[in-house]
PDB file of N, CA and C in Angstrom:
ATOM      1  N   UNK A   1     114.395  80.381 104.902  1.00  0.00           N
ATOM      2  CA  UNK A   1     113.886  81.361 105.996  1.00  0.00           C
ATOM      3  C   UNK A   1     112.389  81.694 105.719  1.00  0.00           C
ATOM      4  N   UNK A   2     111.559  81.501 106.978  1.00  0.00           N
ATOM      5  CA  UNK A   2     110.268  81.849 106.821  1.00  0.00           C
ATOM      6  C   UNK A   2     109.905  83.284 106.723  1.00  0.00           C
ATOM      7  N   UNK A   3     109.103  83.722 105.784  1.00  0.00           N
ATOM      8  CA  UNK A   3     108.735  85.107 105.781  1.00  0.00           C
ATOM      9  C   UNK A   3     107.670  85.479 106.877  1.00  0.00           C
ATOM     10  N   UNK A   4     107.701  86.584 107.456  1.00  0.00           N
ATOM     11  CA  UNK A   4     106.649  87.027 108.377  1.00  0.00           C
ATOM     12  C   UNK A   4     105.281  87.163 107.794  1.00  0.00           C
ATOM     13  N   UNK A   5     104.287  86.489 108.356  1.00  0.00           N
ATOM     14  CA  UNK A   5     102.941  86.661 107.805  1.00  0.00           C
ATOM     15  C   UNK A   5     102.035  87.350 108.832  1.00  0.00           C
ATOM     16  N   UNK A   6     101.363  88.364 108.400  1.00  0.00           N
ATOM     17  CA  UNK A   6     100.460  89.068 109.167  1.00  0.00           C
ATOM     18  C   UNK A   6      99.119  89.301 108.415  1.00  0.00           C
ATOM     19  N   UNK A   7      98.060  89.128 109.114  1.00  0.00           N
ATOM     20  CA  UNK A   7      96.811  89.316 108.570  1.00  0.00           C
ATOM     21  C   UNK A   7      95.877  90.053 109.282  1.00  0.00           C
ATOM     22  N   UNK A   8      95.126  91.088 108.604  1.00  0.00           N
ATOM     23  CA  UNK A   8      94.169  91.840 109.235  1.00  0.00           C
ATOM     24  C   UNK A   8      92.858  91.250 108.701  1.00  0.00           C
ATOM     25  N   UNK A   9      91.996  90.821 109.743  1.00  0.00           N
ATOM     26  CA  UNK A   9      90.788  90.098 109.353  1.00  0.00           C
ATOM     27  C   UNK A   9      89.566  90.610 110.132  1.00  0.00           C
ATOM     28  N   UNK A  10      88.456  90.037 109.796  1.00  0.00           N
ATOM     29  CA  UNK A  10      87.154  90.268 110.524  1.00  0.00           C
ATOM     30  C   UNK A  10      86.882  88.899 111.008  1.00  0.00           C
ATOM     31  N   UNK A  11      86.327  88.830 112.327  1.00  0.00           N
ATOM     32  CA  UNK A  11      85.867  87.475 112.922  1.00  0.00           C
ATOM     33  C   UNK A  11      84.718  86.902 112.224  1.00  0.00           C
ATOM     34  N   UNK A  12      83.763  87.710 111.441  1.00  0.00           N
ATOM     35  CA  UNK A  12      82.640  87.312 110.828  1.00  0.00           C
ATOM     36  C   UNK A  12      82.839  86.962 109.282  1.00  0.00           C
ATOM     37  N   UNK A  13      84.029  87.234 108.828  1.00  0.00           N
ATOM     38  CA  UNK A  13      84.396  87.112 107.288  1.00  0.00           C
ATOM     39  C   UNK A  13      84.706  85.810 106.997  1.00  0.00           C
ATOM     40  N   UNK A  14      83.953  85.117 105.861  1.00  0.00           N
ATOM     41  CA  UNK A  14      84.135  83.790 105.511  1.00  0.00           C
ATOM     42  C   UNK A  14      85.563  83.664 104.721  1.00  0.00           C
ATOM     43  N   UNK A  15      85.782  84.675 103.937  1.00  0.00           N
ATOM     44  CA  UNK A  15      87.115  84.804 103.165  1.00  0.00           C
ATOM     45  C   UNK A  15      88.351  84.793 104.195  1.00  0.00           C
ATOM     46  N   UNK A  16      88.165  85.479 105.314  1.00  0.00           N
ATOM     47  CA  UNK A  16      89.231  85.706 106.403  1.00  0.00           C
ATOM     48  C   UNK A  16      89.344  84.286 106.937  1.00  0.00           C
ATOM     49  N   UNK A  17      88.158  83.532 107.289  1.00  0.00           N
ATOM     50  CA  UNK A  17      88.310  82.238 107.851  1.00  0.00           C
ATOM     51  C   UNK A  17      89.077  81.304 106.921  1.00  0.00           C
ATOM     52  N   UNK A  18      88.656  81.389 105.524  1.00  0.00           N
ATOM     53  CA  UNK A  18      89.281  80.538 104.597  1.00  0.00           C
ATOM     54  C   UNK A  18      90.808  80.654 104.537  1.00  0.00           C
ATOM     55  N   UNK A  19      91.300  82.017 104.590  1.00  0.00           N
ATOM     56  CA  UNK A  19      92.729  82.360 104.645  1.00  0.00           C
ATOM     57  C   UNK A  19      93.395  81.724 105.885  1.00  0.00           C
ATOM     58  N   UNK A  20      92.870  81.764 106.938  1.00  0.00           N
ATOM     59  CA  UNK A  20      93.412  81.120 108.236  1.00  0.00           C
ATOM     60  C   UNK A  20      93.430  79.702 108.116  1.00  0.00           C
ATOM     61  N   UNK A  21      92.393  79.092 107.527  1.00  0.00           N
ATOM     62  CA  UNK A  21      92.330  77.534 107.309  1.00  0.00           C
ATOM     63  C   UNK A  21      93.434  77.162 106.368  1.00  0.00           C
ATOM     64  N   UNK A  22      93.609  77.903 105.216  1.00  0.00           N
ATOM     65  CA  UNK A  22      94.706  77.738 104.343  1.00  0.00           C
ATOM     66  C   UNK A  22      96.111  77.685 105.040  1.00  0.00           C
ATOM     67  N   UNK A  23      96.343  78.840 105.704  1.00  0.00           N
ATOM     68  CA  UNK A  23      97.581  78.889 106.387  1.00  0.00           C
ATOM     69  C   UNK A  23      97.820  77.915 107.394  1.00  0.00           C
ATOM     70  N   UNK A  24      96.831  77.475 108.210  1.00  0.00           N
ATOM     71  CA  UNK A  24      96.981  76.407 109.059  1.00  0.00           C
ATOM     72  C   UNK A  24      97.207  75.082 108.276  1.00  0.00           C
ATOM     73  N   UNK A  25      96.618  74.739 107.240  1.00  0.00           N
ATOM     74  CA  UNK A  25      96.841  73.672 106.452  1.00  0.00           C
ATOM     75  C   UNK A  25      98.170  73.558 105.949  1.00  0.00           C
ATOM     76  N   UNK A  26      98.868  74.680 105.629  1.00  0.00           N
ATOM     77  CA  UNK A  26     100.186  74.746 105.076  1.00  0.00           C
ATOM     78  C   UNK A  26     101.160  74.942 106.308  1.00  0.00           C
ATOM     79  N   UNK A  27     100.718  74.761 107.633  1.00  0.00           N
ATOM     80  CA  UNK A  27     101.543  74.846 108.719  1.00  0.00           C
ATOM     81  C   UNK A  27     102.395  76.153 108.690  1.00  0.00           C
ATOM     82  N   UNK A  28     101.729  77.208 108.360  1.00  0.00           N
ATOM     83  CA  UNK A  28     102.504  78.556 108.326  1.00  0.00           C
ATOM     84  C   UNK A  28     102.178  79.262 109.691  1.00  0.00           C
ATOM     85  N   UNK A  29     103.218  79.730 110.230  1.00  0.00           N
ATOM     86  CA  UNK A  29     102.996  80.623 111.386  1.00  0.00           C
ATOM     87  C   UNK A  29     102.497  82.022 110.991  1.00  0.00           C
ATOM     88  N   UNK A  30     101.516  82.523 111.627  1.00  0.00           N
ATOM     89  CA  UNK A  30     101.174  83.899 111.247  1.00  0.00           C
ATOM     90  C   UNK A  30     100.463  84.560 112.398  1.00  0.00           C
ATOM     91  N   UNK A  31     100.391  85.754 112.320  1.00  0.00           N
ATOM     92  CA  UNK A  31      99.747  86.608 113.300  1.00  0.00           C
ATOM     93  C   UNK A  31      98.528  87.331 112.662  1.00  0.00           C
ATOM     94  N   UNK A  32      97.442  87.349 113.470  1.00  0.00           N
ATOM     95  CA  UNK A  32      96.381  87.919 112.820  1.00  0.00           C
ATOM     96  C   UNK A  32      95.551  88.809 113.892  1.00  0.00           C
ATOM     97  N   UNK A  33      94.916  89.732 113.391  1.00  0.00           N
ATOM     98  CA  UNK A  33      94.124  90.809 114.187  1.00  0.00           C
ATOM     99  C   UNK A  33      92.566  90.842 113.660  1.00  0.00           C
ATOM    100  N   UNK A  34      91.830  90.301 114.461  1.00  0.00           N
ATOM    101  CA  UNK A  34      90.352  90.470 114.113  1.00  0.00           C
ATOM    102  C   UNK A  34      89.883  91.875 114.403  1.00  0.00           C
ATOM    103  N   UNK A  35      89.916  92.793 113.421  1.00  0.00           N
ATOM    104  CA  UNK A  35      89.676  94.178 113.586  1.00  0.00           C
ATOM    105  C   UNK A  35      88.436  94.534 114.173  1.00  0.00           C
ATOM    106  N   UNK A  36      87.350  93.797 113.809  1.00  0.00           N
ATOM    107  CA  UNK A  36      86.026  94.081 114.336  1.00  0.00           C
ATOM    108  C   UNK A  36      85.825  93.824 115.835  1.00  0.00           C
ATOM    109  N   UNK A  37      86.820  93.067 116.447  1.00  0.00           N
ATOM    110  CA  UNK A  37      86.667  92.688 117.792  1.00  0.00           C
ATOM    111  C   UNK A  37      87.441  93.853 118.710  1.00  0.00           C
ATOM    112  N   UNK A  38      88.160  94.812 118.027  1.00  0.00           N
ATOM    113  CA  UNK A  38      88.796  95.887 118.639  1.00  0.00           C
ATOM    114  C   UNK A  38      87.795  97.033 118.967  1.00  0.00           C
ATOM    115  N   UNK A  39      88.234  97.792 120.021  1.00  0.00           N
ATOM    116  CA  UNK A  39      87.350  98.939 120.308  1.00  0.00           C
ATOM    117  C   UNK A  39      88.207 100.289 120.263  1.00  0.00           C
ATOM    118  N   UNK A  40      87.515 101.299 119.972  1.00  0.00           N
ATOM    119  CA  UNK A  40      88.090 102.789 120.286  1.00  0.00           C
ATOM    120  C   UNK A  40      89.367 103.053 119.588  1.00  0.00           C
ATOM    121  N   UNK A  41      90.289 103.549 120.402  1.00  0.00           N
ATOM    122  CA  UNK A  41      91.602 104.057 119.804  1.00  0.00           C
ATOM    123  C   UNK A  41      92.390 102.829 119.281  1.00  0.00           C
ATOM    124  N   UNK A  42      92.423 101.760 119.932  1.00  0.00           N
ATOM    125  CA  UNK A  42      93.084 100.438 119.499  1.00  0.00           C
ATOM    126  C   UNK A  42      92.585 100.155 117.995  1.00  0.00           C
ATOM    127  N   UNK A  43      91.307 100.051 117.800  1.00  0.00           N
ATOM    128  CA  UNK A  43      90.687  99.816 116.483  1.00  0.00           C
ATOM    129  C   UNK A  43      91.173 100.928 115.402  1.00  0.00           C
ATOM    130  N   UNK A  44      91.224 102.104 115.841  1.00  0.00           N
ATOM    131  CA  UNK A  44      91.451 103.309 114.980  1.00  0.00           C
ATOM    132  C   UNK A  44      92.958 103.113 114.445  1.00  0.00           C
ATOM    133  N   UNK A  45      93.912 102.770 115.469  1.00  0.00           N
ATOM    134  CA  UNK A  45      95.274 102.608 115.191  1.00  0.00           C
ATOM    135  C   UNK A  45      95.538 101.508 114.114  1.00  0.00           C
ATOM    136  N   UNK A  46      94.849 100.450 114.398  1.00  0.00           N
ATOM    137  CA  UNK A  46      95.085  99.232 113.425  1.00  0.00           C
ATOM    138  C   UNK A  46      94.428  99.524 112.129  1.00  0.00           C
ATOM    139  N   UNK A  47      93.337 100.091 112.025  1.00  0.00           N
ATOM    140  CA  UNK A  47      92.753 100.550 110.646  1.00  0.00           C
ATOM    141  C   UNK A  47      93.746 101.445 109.974  1.00  0.00           C
ATOM    142  N   UNK A  48      94.370 102.426 110.658  1.00  0.00           N
ATOM    143  CA  UNK A  48      95.433 103.170 109.970  1.00  0.00           C
ATOM    144  C   UNK A  48      96.491 102.319 109.439  1.00  0.00           C
ATOM    145  N   UNK A  49      96.892 101.252 110.096  1.00  0.00           N
ATOM    146  CA  UNK A  49      97.939 100.355 109.635  1.00  0.00           C
ATOM    147  C   UNK A  49      97.369  99.620 108.372  1.00  0.00           C
ATOM    148  N   UNK A  50      96.313  99.237 108.410  1.00  0.00           N
ATOM    149  CA  UNK A  50      95.590  98.466 107.303  1.00  0.00           C
ATOM    150  C   UNK A  50      95.747  99.315 106.315  1.00  0.00           C
ATOM    151  N   UNK A  51      95.329 100.617 106.171  1.00  0.00           N
ATOM    152  CA  UNK A  51      95.251 101.604 104.947  1.00  0.00           C
ATOM    153  C   UNK A  51      96.641 101.756 104.458  1.00  0.00           C
ATOM    154  N   UNK A  52      97.719 101.705 105.223  1.00  0.00           N
ATOM    155  CA  UNK A  52      99.053 101.745 104.629  1.00  0.00           C
ATOM    156  C   UNK A  52      99.340 100.687 103.672  1.00  0.00           C
ATOM    157  N   UNK A  53      98.780  99.407 103.911  1.00  0.00           N
ATOM    158  CA  UNK A  53      98.868  98.294 102.959  1.00  0.00           C
ATOM    159  C   UNK A  53      97.808  98.291 101.965  1.00  0.00           C
ATOM    160  N   UNK A  54      96.634  98.641 102.388  1.00  0.00           N
ATOM    161  CA  UNK A  54      95.402  98.400 101.554  1.00  0.00           C
ATOM    162  C   UNK A  54      94.531  99.690 101.687  1.00  0.00           C
ATOM    163  N   UNK A  55      94.733 100.750 100.839  1.00  0.00           N
ATOM    164  CA  UNK A  55      93.921 102.008 101.119  1.00  0.00           C
ATOM    165  C   UNK A  55      92.360 101.747 101.146  1.00  0.00           C
ATOM    166  N   UNK A  56      91.875 100.758 100.501  1.00  0.00           N
ATOM    167  CA  UNK A  56      90.486 100.434 100.472  1.00  0.00           C
ATOM    168  C   UNK A  56      90.039  99.919 101.877  1.00  0.00           C
ATOM    169  N   UNK A  57      90.924  99.491 102.604  1.00  0.00           N
ATOM    170  CA  UNK A  57      90.665  99.015 103.947  1.00  0.00           C
ATOM    171  C   UNK A  57      89.672  97.773 103.925  1.00  0.00           C
ATOM    172  N   UNK A  58      89.843  96.865 103.064  1.00  0.00           N
ATOM    173  CA  UNK A  58      89.064  95.657 102.916  1.00  0.00           C
ATOM    174  C   UNK A  58      89.756  94.430 103.511  1.00  0.00           C
ATOM    175  N   UNK A  59      88.872  93.425 103.656  1.00  0.00           N
ATOM    176  CA  UNK A  59      89.417  92.211 104.403  1.00  0.00           C
ATOM    177  C   UNK A  59      89.171  90.903 103.706  1.00  0.00           C
ATOM    178  N   UNK A  60      90.068  89.964 103.906  1.00  0.00           N
ATOM    179  CA  UNK A  60      91.211  90.086 104.682  1.00  0.00           C
ATOM    180  C   UNK A  60      92.519  90.776 103.903  1.00  0.00           C
ATOM    181  N   UNK A  61      93.289  91.300 104.656  1.00  0.00           N
ATOM    182  CA  UNK A  61      94.483  91.906 104.062  1.00  0.00           C
ATOM    183  C   UNK A  61      95.707  91.114 104.646  1.00  0.00           C
ATOM    184  N   UNK A  62      96.411  90.497 103.773  1.00  0.00           N
ATOM    185  CA  UNK A  62      97.536  89.704 104.246  1.00  0.00           C
ATOM    186  C   UNK A  62      98.813  90.160 103.796  1.00  0.00           C
ATOM    187  N   UNK A  63      99.751  90.330 104.754  1.00  0.00           N
ATOM    188  CA  UNK A  63     101.180  90.758 104.361  1.00  0.00           C
ATOM    189  C   UNK A  63     102.062  89.525 104.581  1.00  0.00           C
ATOM    190  N   UNK A  64     102.677  89.213 103.530  1.00  0.00           N
ATOM    191  CA  UNK A  64     103.680  87.994 103.432  1.00  0.00           C
ATOM    192  C   UNK A  64     104.976  88.739 103.099  1.00  0.00           C
ATOM    193  N   UNK A  65     105.839  88.821 104.040  1.00  0.00           N
ATOM    194  CA  UNK A  65     107.089  89.465 103.796  1.00  0.00           C
ATOM    195  C   UNK A  65     106.868  90.971 103.259  1.00  0.00           C
ATOM    196  N   UNK A  66     107.163  91.208 101.931  1.00  0.00           N
ATOM    197  CA  UNK A  66     106.910  92.402 101.407  1.00  0.00           C
ATOM    198  C   UNK A  66     105.715  92.535 100.606  1.00  0.00           C
ATOM    199  N   UNK A  67     105.032  91.231 100.369  1.00  0.00           N
ATOM    200  CA  UNK A  67     103.911  91.134  99.493  1.00  0.00           C
ATOM    201  C   UNK A  67     102.713  91.438 100.225  1.00  0.00           C
ATOM    202  N   UNK A  68     101.774  92.129  99.568  1.00  0.00           N
ATOM    203  CA  UNK A  68     100.493  92.379 100.077  1.00  0.00           C
ATOM    204  C   UNK A  68      99.249  91.711  99.267  1.00  0.00           C
ATOM    205  N   UNK A  69      98.336  90.866  99.841  1.00  0.00           N
ATOM    206  CA  UNK A  69      97.400  90.364  99.252  1.00  0.00           C
ATOM    207  C   UNK A  69      96.046  90.546  99.780  1.00  0.00           C
ATOM    208  N   UNK A  70      95.226  90.984  99.050  1.00  0.00           N
ATOM    209  CA  UNK A  70      93.813  91.349  99.536  1.00  0.00           C
ATOM    210  C   UNK A  70      92.788  90.511  99.004  1.00  0.00           C
ATOM    211  N   UNK A  71      92.161  89.770  99.936  1.00  0.00           N
ATOM    212  CA  UNK A  71      91.165  88.889  99.788  1.00  0.00           C
ATOM    213  C   UNK A  71      91.726  87.397  99.676  1.00  0.00           C
ATOM    214  N   UNK A  72      90.840  86.437  99.424  1.00  0.00           N
ATOM    215  CA  UNK A  72      91.318  85.105  99.485  1.00  0.00           C
ATOM    216  C   UNK A  72      91.692  84.602  98.090  1.00  0.00           C
ATOM    217  N   UNK A  73      93.017  84.670  97.874  1.00  0.00           N
ATOM    218  CA  UNK A  73      93.607  84.267  96.621  1.00  0.00           C
ATOM    219  C   UNK A  73      94.660  83.236  96.820  1.00  0.00           C
ATOM    220  N   UNK A  74      94.148  82.080  96.869  1.00  0.00           N
ATOM    221  CA  UNK A  74      94.983  80.753  97.209  1.00  0.00           C
ATOM    222  C   UNK A  74      96.089  80.726  96.563  1.00  0.00           C
ATOM    223  N   UNK A  75      96.215  80.957  95.240  1.00  0.00           N
ATOM    224  CA  UNK A  75      97.348  80.791  94.341  1.00  0.00           C
ATOM    225  C   UNK A  75      98.330  81.950  94.659  1.00  0.00           C
ATOM    226  N   UNK A  76      97.946  83.058  94.800  1.00  0.00           N
ATOM    227  CA  UNK A  76      98.811  84.363  95.109  1.00  0.00           C
ATOM    228  C   UNK A  76      99.343  84.001  96.551  1.00  0.00           C
ATOM    229  N   UNK A  77      98.688  83.574  97.505  1.00  0.00           N
ATOM    230  CA  UNK A  77      99.102  83.233  98.912  1.00  0.00           C
ATOM    231  C   UNK A  77     100.284  82.277  98.869  1.00  0.00           C
ATOM    232  N   UNK A  78      99.877  81.113  98.230  1.00  0.00           N
ATOM    233  CA  UNK A  78     100.879  80.055  98.177  1.00  0.00           C
ATOM    234  C   UNK A  78     102.184  80.458  97.481  1.00  0.00           C
ATOM    235  N   UNK A  79     102.032  81.188  96.521  1.00  0.00           N
ATOM    236  CA  UNK A  79     103.204  81.760  95.607  1.00  0.00           C
ATOM    237  C   UNK A  79     104.092  82.587  96.538  1.00  0.00           C
ATOM    238  N   UNK A  80     103.417  83.527  97.422  1.00  0.00           N
ATOM    239  CA  UNK A  80     104.166  84.483  98.060  1.00  0.00           C
ATOM    240  C   UNK A  80     104.851  83.761  99.257  1.00  0.00           C
ATOM    241  N   UNK A  81     104.149  82.511  99.721  1.00  0.00           N
ATOM    242  CA  UNK A  81     104.943  81.640 100.793  1.00  0.00           C
ATOM    243  C   UNK A  81     105.901  80.780 100.176  1.00  0.00           C
ATOM    244  N   UNK A  82     106.035  80.629  98.812  1.00  0.00           N
ATOM    245  CA  UNK A  82     106.892  79.724  98.310  1.00  0.00           C
ATOM    246  C   UNK A  82     106.420  78.204  98.340  1.00  0.00           C
ATOM    247  N   UNK A  83     105.082  77.999  98.363  1.00  0.00           N
ATOM    248  CA  UNK A  83     104.509  76.800  98.349  1.00  0.00           C
ATOM    249  C   UNK A  83     103.955  76.431  96.956  1.00  0.00           C
ATOM    250  N   UNK A  84     104.199  75.214  96.585  1.00  0.00           N
ATOM    251  CA  UNK A  84     103.695  74.839  95.320  1.00  0.00           C
ATOM    252  C   UNK A  84     102.232  74.501  95.314  1.00  0.00           C
TER     253      UNK A  84
END
């Protein structure tokens, strides 16, 4: 069973792009939100969500099932996905 993968990212962040590329290469289905492209209330709501997982509110914040990974940590991401 595939774990749900959600990512909070910034459209300008190189680490965020690296994570997206890694997930694409691993053919993992994921949802992402480029927080910097949101405006007003929508952005505020998403930032509150991010803070629940990552109080520092840094990017990328990746949620794989119950696991939260902050930053581009290829080994941790693959481990959480069950990929060797």
